[in-house]
Amino acid sequence: MQKLDPNMKRFEGRTALVTGAARGIGRAIAERLAVEGATVVLIDINKAGLNDTVKNIGGKSFGVQADVSNQDSVEEAYANIINRIDSLDILINSAAIIPFVDWNDLTFDEWRRVLSVNLDGVFLMCKGASEHMRSKKYGRIVNIASNAIYAGIPNMSHYLASKGGVLTFSRALATELGGDKVTVNAVCPGLTNTEGVKETPHKNYFDYADNLQSIKGTATPIDIVPAVVFLASEEAHWITGQSLTVDAGLTRT
């Protein structure tokens, strides 16, 4: 496991928004950014988890309860946030739901529910953040997709569609925002041992994934974090429109 240098402050003076920050990968990203000096604005619909993460991080960071799939909720959140910060430098879109539904049982309502959170939410958050980033001629956007988009995993067609959309949207947005020095990249984690995964049948597939990986073991959220924070840093200023798969070599693209 990578050891974190307590003196590394790559994000001193930066403000970062992290969605899905109440638990799992989003929470781990928010905590790491804060340790490295960022003021972190945590966004989640889960108020109790959000408050717990904010309490754990401390400092100048704060939480805003919002539903990323709802335009009014996102716009209200941004209005609240912009009144409390000096600049908006980093956006990490980690909020997502991970359903497991057989194709025969998949309804249009369920299809729309998943895409509204996983894809519409990314669009709405990027739309709001990009306005502020472009005015400052600086920004880092990292969208969390999934390595599952490279395989036709059963019972996940709506999830795969949403995460495939996140990847291609990230590439397109990189083109749209590049002229204003705003980078947009995607990180594609493999199966990760999070609270969300434990609530689904995916929890039964860790051994299967382990057999396919080059590096053996089960990922935890902190294994995904380094790739995300690198792409969010100034060091990654020459990287945009890219996807980075973080799954111990299960996917070899």
Protein backbone atom coordinates (compact mmCIF):
# COMPACT_ATOMS: atom_id res chain seq x y z
CA MET A 1 0.00 0.00 0.00
CA GLN A 2 1.24 3.46 -0.85
CA LYS A 3 2.37 5.48 2.18
CA LEU A 4 1.14 9.06 2.24
CA ASP A 5 3.72 11.76 2.90
CA PRO A 6 2.11 13.93 5.62
CA ASN A 7 4.06 16.93 4.34
CA MET A 8 2.66 16.72 0.79
CA LYS A 9 0.27 19.62 0.25
CA ARG A 10 -0.39 19.56 -3.48
CA PHE A 11 -3.80 21.15 -3.03
CA GLU A 12 -3.00 23.97 -0.63
CA GLY A 13 -5.20 26.93 -1.52
CA ARG A 14 -7.43 24.86 -3.80
CA THR A 15 -11.13 24.15 -3.37
CA ALA A 16 -12.51 20.78 -4.47
CA LEU A 17 -16.07 19.52 -4.84
CA VAL A 18 -16.59 15.79 -4.36
CA THR A 19 -19.94 14.14 -5.02
CA GLY A 20 -20.91 10.85 -3.43
CA ALA A 21 -18.70 11.86 -0.52
CA ALA A 22 -20.74 10.27 2.26
CA ARG A 23 -19.06 6.91 1.86
CA GLY A 24 -16.99 4.63 -0.36
CA ILE A 25 -14.64 5.94 -3.03
CA GLY A 26 -16.04 9.47 -2.83
CA ARG A 27 -15.36 9.70 0.89
CA ALA A 28 -11.82 8.36 0.49
CA ILE A 29 -11.10 10.93 -2.23
CA ALA A 30 -12.47 13.77 -0.12
CA GLU A 31 -10.36 12.73 2.85
CA ARG A 32 -7.19 12.52 0.77
CA LEU A 33 -7.72 15.91 -0.85
CA ALA A 34 -8.23 17.46 2.58
CA VAL A 35 -5.07 15.85 3.95
CA GLU A 36 -3.18 17.35 1.03
CA GLY A 37 -4.41 20.84 1.84
CA ALA A 38 -7.63 21.33 -0.14
CA THR A 39 -10.78 22.89 1.17
CA VAL A 40 -13.27 20.17 0.29
CA VAL A 41 -16.96 20.68 -0.37
CA LEU A 42 -18.71 17.36 0.07
CA ILE A 43 -21.96 16.67 -1.75
CA ASP A 44 -24.29 13.74 -1.13
CA ILE A 45 -27.96 12.96 -0.70
CA ASN A 46 -27.11 10.91 2.41
CA LYS A 47 -27.19 13.56 5.15
CA ALA A 48 -26.03 11.35 8.01
CA GLY A 49 -23.07 9.97 6.06
CA LEU A 50 -22.26 13.43 4.75
CA ASN A 51 -22.14 14.91 8.25
CA ASP A 52 -19.97 12.06 9.46
CA THR A 53 -17.44 12.59 6.66
CA VAL A 54 -17.35 16.36 7.25
CA LYS A 55 -16.76 15.78 10.96
CA ASN A 56 -13.94 13.36 10.19
CA ILE A 57 -12.24 15.76 7.78
CA GLY A 58 -12.65 18.94 9.81
CA GLY A 59 -10.88 22.16 8.89
CA LYS A 60 -12.56 24.49 6.41
CA SER A 61 -14.34 21.69 4.59
CA PHE A 62 -18.13 21.55 4.65
CA GLY A 63 -21.00 19.47 3.31
CA VAL A 64 -24.01 20.30 1.15
CA GLN A 65 -26.88 17.86 0.88
CA ALA A 66 -28.04 17.59 -2.72
CA ASP A 67 -29.52 15.18 -5.24
CA VAL A 68 -27.16 15.29 -8.22
CA SER A 69 -29.85 13.87 -10.50
CA ASN A 70 -32.12 16.86 -9.89
CA GLN A 71 -31.36 20.12 -11.71
CA ASP A 72 -33.01 22.36 -9.10
CA SER A 73 -31.14 20.62 -6.29
CA VAL A 74 -27.79 20.99 -8.05
CA GLU A 75 -28.38 24.65 -8.88
CA GLU A 76 -29.37 25.35 -5.28
CA ALA A 77 -26.25 23.56 -4.07
CA TYR A 78 -24.00 25.63 -6.33
CA ALA A 79 -25.66 28.86 -5.19
CA ASN A 80 -24.92 27.84 -1.61
CA ILE A 81 -21.35 26.80 -2.35
CA ILE A 82 -20.26 29.80 -4.42
CA ASN A 83 -21.31 32.13 -1.60
CA ARG A 84 -18.91 30.34 0.75
CA ILE A 85 -15.75 29.84 -1.31
CA ASP A 86 -13.30 32.07 -3.16
CA SER A 87 -12.71 29.78 -6.14
CA LEU A 88 -13.68 26.40 -7.52
CA ASP A 89 -10.68 24.47 -8.77
CA ILE A 90 -11.50 20.75 -8.73
CA LEU A 91 -14.61 18.65 -9.32
CA ILE A 92 -14.71 14.92 -8.62
CA ASN A 93 -17.91 13.17 -9.73
CA SER A 94 -18.15 9.99 -7.70
CA ALA A 95 -21.88 9.81 -6.92
CA ALA A 96 -23.47 6.71 -8.42
CA ILE A 97 -25.84 3.85 -7.79
CA ILE A 98 -24.90 0.25 -8.56
CA PRO A 99 -28.01 -1.79 -9.36
CA PHE A 100 -28.20 -5.44 -10.33
CA VAL A 101 -31.29 -6.11 -12.46
CA ASP A 102 -32.00 -8.92 -14.89
CA TRP A 103 -32.80 -7.67 -18.39
CA ASN A 104 -36.21 -9.34 -18.24
CA ASP A 105 -37.06 -7.31 -15.13
CA LEU A 106 -35.53 -4.00 -16.23
CA THR A 107 -38.19 -1.31 -16.60
CA PHE A 108 -37.83 2.08 -18.26
CA ASP A 109 -38.32 3.76 -14.88
CA GLU A 110 -35.37 1.84 -13.46
CA TRP A 111 -33.31 2.59 -16.56
CA ARG A 112 -34.01 6.31 -16.15
CA ARG A 113 -33.34 6.20 -12.40
CA VAL A 114 -29.84 4.86 -12.95
CA LEU A 115 -28.97 7.15 -15.84
CA SER A 116 -30.32 10.19 -14.00
CA VAL A 117 -27.92 9.67 -11.10
CA ASN A 118 -24.90 8.22 -12.86
CA LEU A 119 -24.91 10.27 -16.06
CA ASP A 120 -27.28 13.23 -15.72
CA GLY A 121 -25.67 13.95 -12.36
CA VAL A 122 -22.24 14.18 -13.95
CA PHE A 123 -23.57 16.54 -16.62
CA LEU A 124 -25.30 18.82 -14.12
CA MET A 125 -22.28 19.02 -11.81
CA CYS A 126 -19.89 19.66 -14.72
CA LYS A 127 -22.18 22.32 -16.16
CA GLY A 128 -22.21 24.21 -12.90
CA ALA A 129 -18.49 23.88 -12.19
CA SER A 130 -17.27 24.66 -15.70
CA GLU A 131 -18.68 28.19 -15.64
CA HIS A 132 -16.51 29.11 -12.65
CA MET A 133 -13.44 27.21 -13.82
CA ARG A 134 -13.44 28.81 -17.26
CA SER A 135 -13.61 32.30 -15.79
CA LYS A 136 -10.42 31.54 -13.81
CA LYS A 137 -8.71 29.71 -16.68
CA TYR A 138 -8.03 26.76 -14.37
CA GLY A 139 -9.84 23.57 -13.49
CA ARG A 140 -9.59 19.84 -12.97
CA ILE A 141 -12.57 17.55 -13.50
CA VAL A 142 -12.30 13.83 -12.78
CA ASN A 143 -15.32 11.63 -13.44
CA ILE A 144 -15.56 8.15 -11.97
CA ALA A 145 -16.60 5.61 -14.61
CA SER A 146 -16.02 1.83 -14.28
CA ASN A 147 -13.92 -0.94 -15.79
CA ALA A 148 -17.21 -2.83 -16.22
CA ILE A 149 -17.85 -0.86 -19.42
CA TYR A 150 -15.22 -2.98 -21.15
CA ALA A 151 -17.15 -6.21 -20.51
CA GLY A 152 -20.73 -7.25 -21.17
CA ILE A 153 -21.49 -8.08 -17.56
CA PRO A 154 -25.01 -9.49 -17.19
CA ASN A 155 -27.74 -7.79 -15.15
CA MET A 156 -26.04 -4.40 -15.47
CA SER A 157 -27.09 -3.01 -18.86
CA HIS A 158 -28.37 0.28 -17.46
CA TYR A 159 -25.32 0.73 -15.24
CA LEU A 160 -22.96 -0.04 -18.11
CA ALA A 161 -24.80 2.42 -20.36
CA SER A 162 -24.50 5.14 -17.72
CA LYS A 163 -20.80 4.59 -17.06
CA GLY A 164 -19.99 4.27 -20.75
CA GLY A 165 -21.70 7.62 -21.12
CA VAL A 166 -19.54 9.08 -18.36
CA LEU A 167 -16.40 8.01 -20.22
CA THR A 168 -17.39 9.36 -23.63
CA PHE A 169 -18.85 12.52 -22.12
CA SER A 170 -15.54 13.13 -20.35
CA ARG A 171 -13.68 12.92 -23.65
CA ALA A 172 -16.10 15.31 -25.33
CA LEU A 173 -16.02 17.77 -22.44
CA ALA A 174 -12.23 17.82 -22.54
CA THR A 175 -12.53 19.23 -26.04
CA GLU A 176 -15.11 21.79 -24.98
CA LEU A 177 -13.11 23.12 -22.02
CA GLY A 178 -9.52 22.68 -23.10
CA GLY A 179 -9.22 26.19 -24.48
CA ASP A 180 -9.80 27.54 -20.98
CA LYS A 181 -7.14 25.34 -19.35
CA VAL A 182 -9.71 23.02 -17.76
CA THR A 183 -8.82 19.33 -17.95
CA VAL A 184 -11.38 16.53 -17.92
CA ASN A 185 -10.47 12.89 -17.35
CA ALA A 186 -12.12 9.67 -16.22
CA VAL A 187 -11.00 6.99 -13.80
CA CYS A 188 -12.38 3.46 -14.26
CA PRO A 189 -12.13 1.49 -11.01
CA GLY A 190 -12.54 -2.24 -10.86
CA LEU A 191 -14.71 -4.05 -8.33
CA THR A 192 -14.05 -2.28 -5.04
CA ASN A 193 -15.02 -3.25 -1.52
CA THR A 194 -17.35 -0.36 -0.67
CA GLU A 195 -20.55 -0.08 1.33
CA GLY A 196 -22.52 0.26 -1.90
CA VAL A 197 -21.07 -2.92 -3.40
CA LYS A 198 -21.74 -4.83 -0.18
CA GLU A 199 -25.43 -4.03 -0.56
CA THR A 200 -25.61 -5.78 -3.95
CA PRO A 201 -24.87 -9.25 -5.35
CA HIS A 202 -21.53 -7.83 -6.56
CA LYS A 203 -20.17 -8.67 -3.12
CA ASN A 204 -20.07 -12.31 -4.20
CA TYR A 205 -17.68 -11.66 -7.11
CA PHE A 206 -14.49 -10.59 -5.35
CA ASP A 207 -12.89 -14.04 -5.72
CA TYR A 208 -13.83 -14.14 -9.41
CA ALA A 209 -12.23 -10.75 -10.00
CA ASP A 210 -9.16 -11.78 -8.05
CA ASN A 211 -8.61 -14.74 -10.37
CA LEU A 212 -8.55 -12.43 -13.41
CA GLN A 213 -6.33 -9.71 -11.95
CA SER A 214 -2.59 -9.45 -12.53
CA ILE A 215 -2.15 -8.25 -8.94
CA LYS A 216 -4.06 -10.43 -6.52
CA GLY A 217 -6.29 -9.04 -3.82
CA THR A 218 -9.46 -7.03 -3.27
CA ALA A 219 -9.52 -3.30 -3.88
CA THR A 220 -10.62 -0.87 -1.20
CA PRO A 221 -11.44 2.80 -1.83
CA ILE A 222 -7.95 3.99 -0.90
CA ASP A 223 -6.55 1.91 -3.77
CA ILE A 224 -8.50 4.05 -6.24
CA VAL A 225 -7.66 7.41 -4.69
CA PRO A 226 -4.06 7.98 -5.96
CA ALA A 227 -5.09 7.93 -9.63
CA VAL A 228 -7.90 10.39 -8.97
CA VAL A 229 -5.86 12.88 -6.95
CA PHE A 230 -3.04 12.78 -9.50
CA LEU A 231 -5.42 13.75 -12.30
CA ALA A 232 -6.81 16.47 -10.03
CA SER A 233 -3.36 17.92 -9.40
CA GLU A 234 -1.34 20.57 -11.21
CA GLU A 235 1.09 17.81 -12.22
CA ALA A 236 -1.54 16.48 -14.64
CA HIS A 237 -1.89 19.77 -16.52
CA TRP A 238 -0.95 18.12 -19.85
CA ILE A 239 -3.41 15.23 -19.52
CA THR A 240 -7.01 15.59 -20.65
CA GLY A 241 -9.67 13.54 -22.41
CA GLN A 242 -8.14 10.34 -21.05
CA SER A 243 -9.34 7.36 -19.05
CA LEU A 244 -7.26 5.54 -16.47
CA THR A 245 -8.32 2.03 -15.46
CA VAL A 246 -7.48 1.12 -11.87
CA ASP A 247 -8.26 -2.57 -11.40
CA ALA A 248 -4.99 -4.43 -10.67
CA GLY A 249 -4.62 -5.38 -14.32
CA LEU A 250 -7.94 -7.15 -14.75
CA THR A 251 -8.58 -4.97 -17.80
CA ARG A 252 -5.64 -4.65 -20.19
CA THR A 253 -6.40 -1.95 -22.76
